[in-house]
Every structure is written in C-alpha cells, then in structure tokens.
Amino acid sequence: MDADKQTVTLRQVVADVLERFAFSFVEDEEPQFQDDEWLVSDLAFKGPVHGKVSLALSRTLASELGVNILGVDPDAAPPELASDAARELTNIICGDVLFRLYGPQAVFDLCVPALRTVASIQTVEQEIPSDAAVVELSVEGHRISAWLTLEG
C-alpha cells in the first residue's frame, strides 16, 4: 500500500476522531507546551495485514481530552482518566484507519491497547520505526503523534 495514502489517511482520522469524540481541533500553529511525561498507547492488529497503531501524547493533553470526552469537571476527574482516554482514542483511531484503508469487508482482530509512560518526546521519536506512516499534530497547544506500522 502507498505510504503517502497511509499518512494522509492517518492524519485525517486522528483529526476527525479528536474533533468528533474529544471536541478538540487540530491547530496549524506549532505546539506551545513542552510536557515532560508522555503516554504512548500501542494497539496491535491482525487480519489481511498485521501491524499496530500508536498514539503518543502528554499526560496533560490526555487528561484534557478525557475531560472533554466524559464532559466532567476537571477537578472531579478520576486519576486514571488520562490513561483511559489515551487507550480509547487509540482504539477508535485504529479501527477507523483500518476501515478507511481496507474497506468494510476486511476483518481485523484488535488487541487491547498497551499503555506505557515515556519521559520525553525525544524518547518517543527514537522509538518510531523508520518505515512507519507518521503524523505530528498540534492540539490545544500540545503536540500529539500517531503512527501506523505494518509488518511484512
């Protein structure tokens, strides 16, 4: 499959999911905030192709998106909200990307999103495979990265 099509589709899906599900919009400006702790959510899939979709965002942004998703008062948000939001966004993004790239007839088995904490965006950047379709966006002044890696 064409790498450009994967990247364009991934960008569209991430922007659409953030807008529809988390009521947040991708901005044209460079991200303003440099957050220290990052959450990386990886969701592996198997089907006509195998691979994974990964999402990296700061814990601060994940908390803000979680508050938007649930419509709760930020002061009343549970501590696990950021982690849950990162996992759920990855799940939705993965399903939508696979649907748009392979159509409704393709059947995929999705794993449970695995979540890990990373100290900095530089560490995240080092982990992204060179052959992955990668998008980096600015949301609410924060950077968010997503990538699609296909195996074989």
N, C-alpha and C. Protein backbone atom coordinates (compact mmCIF):
# COMPACT_ATOMS: atom_id res chain seq x y z
N MET A 1 0.84 -1.17 0.00
CA MET A 1 0.00 0.00 0.00
C MET A 1 0.89 1.24 0.00
N ASP A 2 0.44 2.27 -0.64
CA ASP A 2 1.17 3.52 -0.78
C ASP A 2 1.35 4.20 0.59
N ALA A 3 2.60 4.51 0.94
CA ALA A 3 2.90 5.14 2.24
C ALA A 3 2.24 6.52 2.36
N ASP A 4 2.17 7.25 1.26
CA ASP A 4 1.53 8.58 1.31
C ASP A 4 0.05 8.45 1.65
N LYS A 5 -0.60 7.45 1.08
CA LYS A 5 -2.03 7.24 1.38
C LYS A 5 -2.21 6.90 2.86
N GLN A 6 -1.32 6.09 3.40
CA GLN A 6 -1.40 5.74 4.82
C GLN A 6 -1.26 6.99 5.69
N THR A 7 -0.28 7.84 5.36
CA THR A 7 -0.04 9.04 6.16
C THR A 7 -1.20 10.01 6.07
N VAL A 8 -1.71 10.24 4.87
CA VAL A 8 -2.84 11.15 4.69
C VAL A 8 -4.07 10.62 5.42
N THR A 9 -4.33 9.33 5.31
CA THR A 9 -5.48 8.73 5.99
C THR A 9 -5.32 8.83 7.50
N LEU A 10 -4.13 8.51 8.00
CA LEU A 10 -3.89 8.60 9.44
C LEU A 10 -4.12 10.01 9.95
N ARG A 11 -3.62 11.01 9.23
CA ARG A 11 -3.81 12.41 9.65
C ARG A 11 -5.29 12.77 9.68
N GLN A 12 -6.02 12.38 8.64
CA GLN A 12 -7.45 12.68 8.59
C GLN A 12 -8.20 12.02 9.74
N VAL A 13 -7.87 10.77 9.99
CA VAL A 13 -8.56 10.03 11.05
C VAL A 13 -8.28 10.63 12.42
N VAL A 14 -7.01 10.92 12.71
CA VAL A 14 -6.68 11.49 14.02
C VAL A 14 -7.42 12.82 14.21
N ALA A 15 -7.39 13.68 13.20
CA ALA A 15 -8.08 14.97 13.30
C ALA A 15 -9.59 14.77 13.47
N ASP A 16 -10.18 13.84 12.70
CA ASP A 16 -11.62 13.59 12.80
C ASP A 16 -12.01 13.04 14.17
N VAL A 17 -11.24 12.08 14.67
CA VAL A 17 -11.56 11.47 15.96
C VAL A 17 -11.44 12.50 17.08
N LEU A 18 -10.39 13.31 17.04
CA LEU A 18 -10.24 14.35 18.07
C LEU A 18 -11.40 15.33 18.03
N GLU A 19 -11.84 15.68 16.83
CA GLU A 19 -12.94 16.64 16.71
C GLU A 19 -14.27 16.02 17.13
N ARG A 20 -14.60 14.83 16.61
CA ARG A 20 -15.90 14.22 16.87
C ARG A 20 -16.03 13.65 18.28
N PHE A 21 -14.95 13.05 18.76
CA PHE A 21 -15.03 12.30 20.00
C PHE A 21 -14.56 13.10 21.21
N ALA A 22 -13.52 13.93 21.00
CA ALA A 22 -12.93 14.65 22.13
C ALA A 22 -13.17 16.16 22.06
N PHE A 23 -13.92 16.60 21.06
CA PHE A 23 -14.27 18.02 20.92
C PHE A 23 -13.04 18.92 20.96
N SER A 24 -11.97 18.48 20.28
CA SER A 24 -10.72 19.24 20.20
C SER A 24 -10.32 19.32 18.73
N PHE A 25 -9.63 20.38 18.39
CA PHE A 25 -9.32 20.61 16.99
C PHE A 25 -7.81 20.69 16.77
N VAL A 26 -7.40 20.18 15.62
CA VAL A 26 -6.01 20.27 15.21
C VAL A 26 -5.74 21.71 14.80
N GLU A 27 -4.63 22.24 15.27
CA GLU A 27 -4.27 23.63 15.00
C GLU A 27 -3.11 23.68 14.02
N ASP A 28 -3.02 24.78 13.28
CA ASP A 28 -1.93 24.95 12.33
C ASP A 28 -0.64 25.42 13.00
N GLU A 29 -0.73 25.97 14.18
CA GLU A 29 0.44 26.51 14.86
C GLU A 29 1.30 25.38 15.43
N GLU A 30 2.55 25.74 15.69
CA GLU A 30 3.45 24.82 16.38
C GLU A 30 2.97 24.64 17.82
N PRO A 31 3.14 23.46 18.39
CA PRO A 31 2.76 23.27 19.79
C PRO A 31 3.52 24.23 20.70
N GLN A 32 2.84 24.74 21.72
CA GLN A 32 3.44 25.71 22.62
C GLN A 32 4.00 25.07 23.88
N PHE A 33 3.39 23.99 24.33
CA PHE A 33 3.75 23.41 25.61
C PHE A 33 4.75 22.27 25.43
N GLN A 34 5.73 22.24 26.29
CA GLN A 34 6.71 21.15 26.31
C GLN A 34 6.47 20.35 27.58
N ASP A 35 5.75 19.28 27.45
CA ASP A 35 5.41 18.47 28.61
C ASP A 35 6.50 17.42 28.85
N ASP A 36 6.68 17.06 30.10
CA ASP A 36 7.73 16.12 30.45
C ASP A 36 7.30 14.67 30.32
N GLU A 37 6.11 14.32 30.82
CA GLU A 37 5.69 12.93 30.81
C GLU A 37 4.73 12.65 29.66
N TRP A 38 5.00 11.59 28.92
CA TRP A 38 4.20 11.22 27.77
C TRP A 38 3.57 9.85 27.98
N LEU A 39 2.40 9.68 27.42
CA LEU A 39 1.74 8.38 27.38
C LEU A 39 1.82 7.88 25.94
N VAL A 40 2.21 6.63 25.78
CA VAL A 40 2.24 6.00 24.46
C VAL A 40 1.33 4.79 24.52
N SER A 41 0.35 4.78 23.63
CA SER A 41 -0.61 3.69 23.55
C SER A 41 -0.39 2.96 22.23
N ASP A 42 -0.16 1.66 22.30
CA ASP A 42 0.06 0.82 21.10
C ASP A 42 -1.07 -0.18 20.99
N LEU A 43 -1.65 -0.28 19.81
CA LEU A 43 -2.71 -1.25 19.57
C LEU A 43 -2.33 -2.11 18.37
N ALA A 44 -2.03 -3.38 18.63
CA ALA A 44 -1.67 -4.32 17.57
C ALA A 44 -2.94 -4.88 16.94
N PHE A 45 -2.84 -5.22 15.65
CA PHE A 45 -3.96 -5.81 14.93
C PHE A 45 -3.46 -6.89 13.98
N LYS A 46 -4.37 -7.84 13.68
CA LYS A 46 -4.08 -8.91 12.72
C LYS A 46 -5.28 -9.04 11.81
N GLY A 47 -5.01 -9.34 10.56
CA GLY A 47 -6.05 -9.50 9.56
C GLY A 47 -5.40 -9.66 8.21
N PRO A 48 -5.95 -9.02 7.17
CA PRO A 48 -5.31 -9.07 5.86
C PRO A 48 -3.87 -8.53 5.90
N VAL A 49 -3.61 -7.64 6.83
CA VAL A 49 -2.25 -7.17 7.15
C VAL A 49 -2.12 -7.16 8.66
N HIS A 50 -0.88 -7.23 9.14
CA HIS A 50 -0.60 -7.18 10.57
C HIS A 50 0.17 -5.91 10.86
N GLY A 51 -0.01 -5.37 12.05
CA GLY A 51 0.74 -4.18 12.42
C GLY A 51 0.23 -3.60 13.72
N LYS A 52 0.49 -2.31 13.87
CA LYS A 52 -0.02 -1.62 15.06
C LYS A 52 -0.19 -0.14 14.77
N VAL A 53 -1.09 0.45 15.52
CA VAL A 53 -1.29 1.90 15.53
C VAL A 53 -0.82 2.38 16.90
N SER A 54 -0.04 3.44 16.90
CA SER A 54 0.47 4.00 18.15
C SER A 54 0.08 5.46 18.25
N LEU A 55 -0.17 5.89 19.48
CA LEU A 55 -0.53 7.27 19.76
C LEU A 55 0.32 7.75 20.93
N ALA A 56 0.96 8.91 20.77
CA ALA A 56 1.77 9.48 21.84
C ALA A 56 1.28 10.89 22.13
N LEU A 57 1.00 11.15 23.41
CA LEU A 57 0.55 12.47 23.81
C LEU A 57 0.94 12.69 25.27
N SER A 58 1.03 13.93 25.63
CA SER A 58 1.40 14.24 27.01
C SER A 58 0.27 13.82 27.95
N ARG A 59 0.64 13.53 29.17
CA ARG A 59 -0.37 13.19 30.18
C ARG A 59 -1.33 14.36 30.36
N THR A 60 -0.81 15.58 30.28
CA THR A 60 -1.65 16.77 30.42
C THR A 60 -2.71 16.82 29.34
N LEU A 61 -2.30 16.61 28.08
CA LEU A 61 -3.27 16.63 26.98
C LEU A 61 -4.24 15.46 27.11
N ALA A 62 -3.75 14.28 27.46
CA ALA A 62 -4.64 13.13 27.62
C ALA A 62 -5.71 13.41 28.67
N SER A 63 -5.34 14.07 29.76
CA SER A 63 -6.31 14.44 30.79
C SER A 63 -7.35 15.42 30.25
N GLU A 64 -6.88 16.43 29.51
CA GLU A 64 -7.81 17.40 28.93
C GLU A 64 -8.78 16.73 27.96
N LEU A 65 -8.26 15.83 27.13
CA LEU A 65 -9.12 15.14 26.18
C LEU A 65 -10.11 14.23 26.91
N GLY A 66 -9.66 13.58 27.97
CA GLY A 66 -10.55 12.74 28.77
C GLY A 66 -11.69 13.53 29.39
N VAL A 67 -11.37 14.71 29.89
CA VAL A 67 -12.40 15.60 30.46
C VAL A 67 -13.41 15.97 29.38
N ASN A 68 -12.92 16.27 28.17
CA ASN A 68 -13.81 16.61 27.06
C ASN A 68 -14.69 15.42 26.67
N ILE A 69 -14.09 14.23 26.63
CA ILE A 69 -14.83 13.04 26.22
C ILE A 69 -15.96 12.75 27.20
N LEU A 70 -15.66 12.79 28.48
CA LEU A 70 -16.66 12.46 29.50
C LEU A 70 -17.55 13.63 29.90
N GLY A 71 -17.09 14.86 29.59
CA GLY A 71 -17.87 16.02 29.98
C GLY A 71 -17.93 16.21 31.47
N VAL A 72 -16.82 15.93 32.15
CA VAL A 72 -16.77 16.05 33.61
C VAL A 72 -15.99 17.30 34.01
N ASP A 73 -16.20 17.70 35.23
CA ASP A 73 -15.44 18.80 35.82
C ASP A 73 -13.99 18.33 35.99
N PRO A 74 -13.01 19.10 35.52
CA PRO A 74 -11.62 18.68 35.64
C PRO A 74 -11.21 18.37 37.09
N ASP A 75 -11.79 19.07 38.04
CA ASP A 75 -11.46 18.83 39.44
C ASP A 75 -12.03 17.50 39.96
N ALA A 76 -13.05 16.98 39.27
CA ALA A 76 -13.69 15.74 39.69
C ALA A 76 -13.23 14.54 38.86
N ALA A 77 -12.28 14.75 37.96
CA ALA A 77 -11.83 13.68 37.07
C ALA A 77 -11.05 12.62 37.84
N PRO A 78 -11.32 11.35 37.56
CA PRO A 78 -10.59 10.28 38.24
C PRO A 78 -9.12 10.26 37.79
N PRO A 79 -8.22 9.75 38.62
CA PRO A 79 -6.79 9.76 38.29
C PRO A 79 -6.44 8.96 37.04
N GLU A 80 -7.22 7.93 36.73
CA GLU A 80 -6.91 7.09 35.57
C GLU A 80 -7.48 7.65 34.26
N LEU A 81 -8.08 8.83 34.31
CA LEU A 81 -8.73 9.40 33.14
C LEU A 81 -7.76 9.57 31.97
N ALA A 82 -6.57 10.05 32.20
CA ALA A 82 -5.61 10.27 31.12
C ALA A 82 -5.26 8.96 30.43
N SER A 83 -4.98 7.93 31.20
CA SER A 83 -4.64 6.62 30.63
C SER A 83 -5.80 6.03 29.85
N ASP A 84 -6.99 6.11 30.41
CA ASP A 84 -8.17 5.57 29.74
C ASP A 84 -8.44 6.32 28.43
N ALA A 85 -8.28 7.63 28.45
CA ALA A 85 -8.51 8.43 27.24
C ALA A 85 -7.51 8.07 26.15
N ALA A 86 -6.25 7.91 26.51
CA ALA A 86 -5.23 7.55 25.52
C ALA A 86 -5.55 6.20 24.88
N ARG A 87 -5.92 5.23 25.69
CA ARG A 87 -6.26 3.89 25.17
C ARG A 87 -7.49 3.94 24.25
N GLU A 88 -8.53 4.64 24.70
CA GLU A 88 -9.76 4.68 23.92
C GLU A 88 -9.56 5.43 22.60
N LEU A 89 -8.82 6.53 22.62
CA LEU A 89 -8.54 7.24 21.38
C LEU A 89 -7.76 6.36 20.41
N THR A 90 -6.80 5.60 20.91
CA THR A 90 -6.02 4.70 20.05
C THR A 90 -6.94 3.64 19.44
N ASN A 91 -7.84 3.11 20.24
CA ASN A 91 -8.78 2.09 19.76
C ASN A 91 -9.64 2.64 18.62
N ILE A 92 -10.19 3.81 18.80
CA ILE A 92 -11.06 4.41 17.78
C ILE A 92 -10.26 4.75 16.53
N ILE A 93 -9.08 5.34 16.71
CA ILE A 93 -8.23 5.71 15.57
C ILE A 93 -7.85 4.47 14.77
N CYS A 94 -7.44 3.41 15.45
CA CYS A 94 -7.04 2.18 14.76
C CYS A 94 -8.19 1.62 13.93
N GLY A 95 -9.35 1.49 14.53
CA GLY A 95 -10.50 0.95 13.79
C GLY A 95 -10.86 1.78 12.58
N ASP A 96 -10.83 3.08 12.73
CA ASP A 96 -11.19 3.98 11.62
C ASP A 96 -10.13 3.94 10.52
N VAL A 97 -8.85 3.91 10.88
CA VAL A 97 -7.78 3.84 9.88
C VAL A 97 -7.91 2.55 9.07
N LEU A 98 -8.09 1.43 9.75
CA LEU A 98 -8.20 0.16 9.04
C LEU A 98 -9.42 0.13 8.13
N PHE A 99 -10.53 0.68 8.60
CA PHE A 99 -11.74 0.74 7.78
C PHE A 99 -11.51 1.57 6.53
N ARG A 100 -10.89 2.74 6.69
CA ARG A 100 -10.67 3.63 5.54
C ARG A 100 -9.64 3.07 4.56
N LEU A 101 -8.64 2.36 5.07
CA LEU A 101 -7.60 1.83 4.18
C LEU A 101 -8.01 0.53 3.50
N TYR A 102 -8.77 -0.33 4.20
CA TYR A 102 -9.04 -1.67 3.69
C TYR A 102 -10.50 -1.98 3.44
N GLY A 103 -11.39 -1.07 3.80
CA GLY A 103 -12.79 -1.23 3.48
C GLY A 103 -13.57 -2.05 4.50
N PRO A 104 -14.90 -2.06 4.35
CA PRO A 104 -15.76 -2.71 5.34
C PRO A 104 -15.69 -4.24 5.30
N GLN A 105 -15.25 -4.81 4.20
CA GLN A 105 -15.21 -6.27 4.11
C GLN A 105 -13.99 -6.89 4.78
N ALA A 106 -12.96 -6.11 5.04
CA ALA A 106 -11.76 -6.63 5.70
C ALA A 106 -12.05 -6.84 7.19
N VAL A 107 -11.64 -8.00 7.70
CA VAL A 107 -11.87 -8.34 9.10
C VAL A 107 -10.53 -8.32 9.84
N PHE A 108 -10.49 -7.60 10.94
CA PHE A 108 -9.28 -7.49 11.74
C PHE A 108 -9.57 -7.88 13.18
N ASP A 109 -8.59 -8.50 13.81
CA ASP A 109 -8.63 -8.76 15.25
C ASP A 109 -7.77 -7.69 15.91
N LEU A 110 -8.36 -6.93 16.81
CA LEU A 110 -7.64 -5.88 17.52
C LEU A 110 -7.29 -6.35 18.92
N CYS A 111 -6.08 -6.10 19.33
CA CYS A 111 -5.66 -6.41 20.70
C CYS A 111 -6.13 -5.29 21.63
N VAL A 112 -5.92 -5.47 22.90
CA VAL A 112 -6.19 -4.42 23.87
C VAL A 112 -5.03 -3.43 23.80
N PRO A 113 -5.31 -2.13 23.78
CA PRO A 113 -4.21 -1.16 23.72
C PRO A 113 -3.28 -1.29 24.93
N ALA A 114 -2.00 -1.35 24.65
CA ALA A 114 -0.98 -1.38 25.71
C ALA A 114 -0.51 0.05 25.95
N LEU A 115 -0.41 0.43 27.21
CA LEU A 115 -0.05 1.80 27.54
C LEU A 115 1.25 1.82 28.33
N ARG A 116 2.10 2.78 28.01
CA ARG A 116 3.34 2.96 28.77
C ARG A 116 3.61 4.44 28.92
N THR A 117 4.39 4.76 29.93
CA THR A 117 4.79 6.13 30.19
C THR A 117 6.21 6.32 29.69
N VAL A 118 6.44 7.44 29.02
CA VAL A 118 7.76 7.76 28.46
C VAL A 118 8.14 9.14 28.98
N ALA A 119 9.41 9.31 29.27
CA ALA A 119 9.87 10.54 29.92
C ALA A 119 9.80 11.77 29.02
N SER A 120 10.02 11.62 27.71
CA SER A 120 10.08 12.81 26.85
C SER A 120 9.68 12.47 25.42
N ILE A 121 9.36 13.49 24.66
CA ILE A 121 9.02 13.31 23.25
C ILE A 121 10.24 12.82 22.47
N GLN A 122 11.43 13.17 22.90
CA GLN A 122 12.63 12.70 22.21
C GLN A 122 12.74 11.18 22.30
N THR A 123 12.38 10.62 23.43
CA THR A 123 12.38 9.17 23.59
C THR A 123 11.34 8.54 22.67
N VAL A 124 10.17 9.16 22.58
CA VAL A 124 9.12 8.68 21.69
C VAL A 124 9.63 8.68 20.25
N GLU A 125 10.24 9.77 19.82
CA GLU A 125 10.72 9.89 18.44
C GLU A 125 11.72 8.79 18.09
N GLN A 126 12.54 8.40 19.04
CA GLN A 126 13.54 7.36 18.79
C GLN A 126 12.89 5.99 18.61
N GLU A 127 11.71 5.80 19.14
CA GLU A 127 11.01 4.51 19.06
C GLU A 127 10.23 4.32 17.77
N ILE A 128 9.97 5.38 17.03
CA ILE A 128 9.13 5.28 15.83
C ILE A 128 9.92 4.60 14.72
N PRO A 129 9.41 3.49 14.17
CA PRO A 129 10.12 2.81 13.09
C PRO A 129 10.26 3.70 11.86
N SER A 130 11.36 3.56 11.17
CA SER A 130 11.63 4.42 10.01
C SER A 130 10.65 4.19 8.87
N ASP A 131 10.01 3.01 8.81
CA ASP A 131 9.07 2.72 7.73
C ASP A 131 7.62 2.99 8.11
N ALA A 132 7.38 3.58 9.26
CA ALA A 132 6.02 3.86 9.72
C ALA A 132 5.45 5.10 9.04
N ALA A 133 4.14 5.12 8.87
CA ALA A 133 3.42 6.33 8.45
C ALA A 133 3.22 7.15 9.72
N VAL A 134 3.75 8.38 9.75
CA VAL A 134 3.77 9.17 10.98
C VAL A 134 3.10 10.52 10.75
N VAL A 135 2.31 10.95 11.75
CA VAL A 135 1.75 12.29 11.74
C VAL A 135 2.04 12.95 13.08
N GLU A 136 2.35 14.22 13.03
CA GLU A 136 2.55 15.02 14.24
C GLU A 136 1.65 16.24 14.12
N LEU A 137 0.81 16.43 15.14
CA LEU A 137 -0.18 17.49 15.09
C LEU A 137 -0.11 18.33 16.36
N SER A 138 -0.71 19.51 16.29
CA SER A 138 -0.84 20.38 17.45
C SER A 138 -2.31 20.42 17.84
N VAL A 139 -2.57 20.10 19.11
CA VAL A 139 -3.93 20.08 19.64
C VAL A 139 -3.93 20.79 20.99
N GLU A 140 -4.74 21.83 21.12
CA GLU A 140 -4.82 22.58 22.38
C GLU A 140 -3.43 23.07 22.81
N GLY A 141 -2.58 23.37 21.84
CA GLY A 141 -1.24 23.86 22.14
C GLY A 141 -0.23 22.77 22.49
N HIS A 142 -0.66 21.51 22.46
CA HIS A 142 0.20 20.38 22.78
C HIS A 142 0.47 19.57 21.52
N ARG A 143 1.58 18.89 21.50
CA ARG A 143 1.91 18.01 20.39
C ARG A 143 1.29 16.63 20.63
N ILE A 144 0.82 16.03 19.54
CA ILE A 144 0.33 14.67 19.56
C ILE A 144 0.90 13.97 18.33
N SER A 145 1.40 12.77 18.51
CA SER A 145 1.97 12.00 17.41
C SER A 145 1.23 10.68 17.28
N ALA A 146 1.07 10.23 16.04
CA ALA A 146 0.45 8.93 15.78
C ALA A 146 1.23 8.29 14.65
N TRP A 147 1.33 6.96 14.71
CA TRP A 147 1.99 6.27 13.61
C TRP A 147 1.38 4.90 13.39
N LEU A 148 1.44 4.48 12.13
CA LEU A 148 0.95 3.19 11.69
C LEU A 148 2.13 2.39 11.20
N THR A 149 2.31 1.21 11.77
CA THR A 149 3.41 0.33 11.38
C THR A 149 2.81 -0.97 10.86
N LEU A 150 3.16 -1.34 9.64
CA LEU A 150 2.70 -2.60 9.05
C LEU A 150 3.85 -3.59 9.05
N GLU A 151 3.54 -4.83 9.36
CA GLU A 151 4.56 -5.89 9.37
C GLU A 151 4.46 -6.66 8.06
N GLY A 152 5.63 -7.01 7.56
CA GLY A 152 5.71 -7.86 6.37
C GLY A 152 5.06 -7.34 5.20
